[in-house]
C-alpha atoms as a PDB file:
ATOM      1  CA  MET A   1     -13.160  20.752  39.616  1.00  0.00           C
ATOM      2  CA  GLU A   2     -12.593  20.954  35.525  1.00  0.00           C
ATOM      3  CA  CYS A   3     -13.703  18.004  33.453  1.00  0.00           C
ATOM      4  CA  ARG A   4     -10.084  16.924  31.972  1.00  0.00           C
ATOM      5  CA  ALA A   5     -12.278  14.757  29.378  1.00  0.00           C
ATOM      6  CA  LYS A   6     -13.157  18.057  27.357  1.00  0.00           C
ATOM      7  CA  HIS A   7      -9.476  18.972  26.562  1.00  0.00           C
ATOM      8  CA  GLU A   8      -8.213  15.381  25.916  1.00  0.00           C
ATOM      9  CA  LEU A   9      -8.919  12.850  23.001  1.00  0.00           C
ATOM     10  CA  TRP A  10      -9.766   9.617  24.257  1.00  0.00           C
ATOM     11  CA  LEU A  11      -9.844   6.542  22.066  1.00  0.00           C
ATOM     12  CA  VAL A  12     -11.533   3.646  23.466  1.00  0.00           C
ATOM     13  CA  THR A  13     -11.113   0.206  21.506  1.00  0.00           C
ATOM     14  CA  GLN A  14     -11.511  -3.257  22.032  1.00  0.00           C
ATOM     15  CA  LEU A  15      -8.796  -5.130  24.205  1.00  0.00           C
ATOM     16  CA  MET A  16      -6.377  -7.009  21.549  1.00  0.00           C
ATOM     17  CA  ALA A  17      -6.511 -11.043  22.541  1.00  0.00           C
ATOM     18  CA  LYS A  18      -2.852 -10.850  22.031  1.00  0.00           C
ATOM     19  CA  GLY A  19      -1.898  -8.544  24.859  1.00  0.00           C
ATOM     20  CA  SER A  20      -0.114  -5.315  25.006  1.00  0.00           C
ATOM     21  CA  CYS A  21       3.344  -4.493  22.923  1.00  0.00           C
ATOM     22  CA  LEU A  22       5.367  -5.303  26.404  1.00  0.00           C
ATOM     23  CA  HIS A  23       3.608  -8.545  26.409  1.00  0.00           C
ATOM     24  CA  ALA A  24       4.713  -9.284  23.046  1.00  0.00           C
ATOM     25  CA  MET A  25       8.043  -8.099  23.638  1.00  0.00           C
ATOM     26  CA  THR A  26       8.636 -10.134  27.035  1.00  0.00           C
ATOM     27  CA  ALA A  27       7.066 -13.344  25.300  1.00  0.00           C
ATOM     28  CA  ALA A  28       9.343 -12.819  22.261  1.00  0.00           C
ATOM     29  CA  THR A  29      12.160 -12.585  25.163  1.00  0.00           C
ATOM     30  CA  LYS A  30      11.332 -15.635  26.792  1.00  0.00           C
ATOM     31  CA  GLN A  31       9.955 -18.135  24.278  1.00  0.00           C
ATOM     32  CA  LEU A  32      12.118 -17.084  21.388  1.00  0.00           C
ATOM     33  CA  GLY A  33      15.347 -16.293  23.043  1.00  0.00           C
ATOM     34  CA  MET A  34      15.354 -12.701  21.280  1.00  0.00           C
ATOM     35  CA  ALA A  35      17.207  -9.834  22.804  1.00  0.00           C
ATOM     36  CA  PRO A  36      15.056  -7.588  25.175  1.00  0.00           C
ATOM     37  CA  GLY A  37      13.395  -4.516  23.830  1.00  0.00           C
ATOM     38  CA  MET A  38      11.553  -3.668  21.138  1.00  0.00           C
ATOM     39  CA  HIS A  39      13.255  -4.211  17.595  1.00  0.00           C
ATOM     40  CA  GLU A  40      13.164  -1.603  15.023  1.00  0.00           C
ATOM     41  CA  ASP A  41      10.727  -3.405  12.436  1.00  0.00           C
ATOM     42  CA  TRP A  42       8.207  -3.871  15.195  1.00  0.00           C
ATOM     43  CA  LEU A  43       8.495  -0.168  16.211  1.00  0.00           C
ATOM     44  CA  VAL A  44       7.698   0.562  12.565  1.00  0.00           C
ATOM     45  CA  TRP A  45       4.641  -1.614  12.508  1.00  0.00           C
ATOM     46  CA  VAL A  46       3.177  -0.497  15.681  1.00  0.00           C
ATOM     47  CA  LEU A  47       3.701   3.178  14.703  1.00  0.00           C
ATOM     48  CA  ARG A  48       2.512   2.687  11.198  1.00  0.00           C
ATOM     49  CA  GLU A  49      -0.823   1.257  12.459  1.00  0.00           C
ATOM     50  CA  ALA A  50      -1.275   3.739  14.975  1.00  0.00           C
ATOM     51  CA  LEU A  51      -0.771   6.671  12.331  1.00  0.00           C
ATOM     52  CA  GLN A  52      -3.300   4.546  10.069  1.00  0.00           C
ATOM     53  CA  GLY A  53      -5.728   4.666  12.758  1.00  0.00           C
ATOM     54  CA  LEU A  54      -5.289   8.610  13.311  1.00  0.00           C
ATOM     55  CA  LYS A  55      -5.574   9.208   9.660  1.00  0.00           C
ATOM     56  CA  TYR A  56      -8.753   7.302   9.321  1.00  0.00           C
ATOM     57  CA  PHE A  57     -10.246   9.368  12.555  1.00  0.00           C
ATOM     58  CA  HIS A  58      -8.987  12.676  10.830  1.00  0.00           C
ATOM     59  CA  GLU A  59     -10.328  11.739   7.527  1.00  0.00           C
ATOM     60  CA  HIS A  60     -13.888  10.932   8.903  1.00  0.00           C
ATOM     61  CA  GLN A  61     -13.814  14.255  10.891  1.00  0.00           C
ATOM     62  CA  GLN A  62     -13.755  12.492  13.982  1.00  0.00           C
ATOM     63  CA  ILE A  63     -10.386  14.549  15.000  1.00  0.00           C
ATOM     64  CA  GLN A  64      -8.949  17.904  13.279  1.00  0.00           C
END
């Protein structure tokens, strides 16, 4: 059996105290009365942060 980890990038980070994106969306729907789903401005923020993380790894030669 081949080890999959040799062919995949795994980023291991600390858990966020605020929970996942799903948790935040559910809380916003229930507590704030917002429409369900991911709002465009939230999606932009999440994607920007993820891309900044990938940029950091690339610039520090952790990924190519």
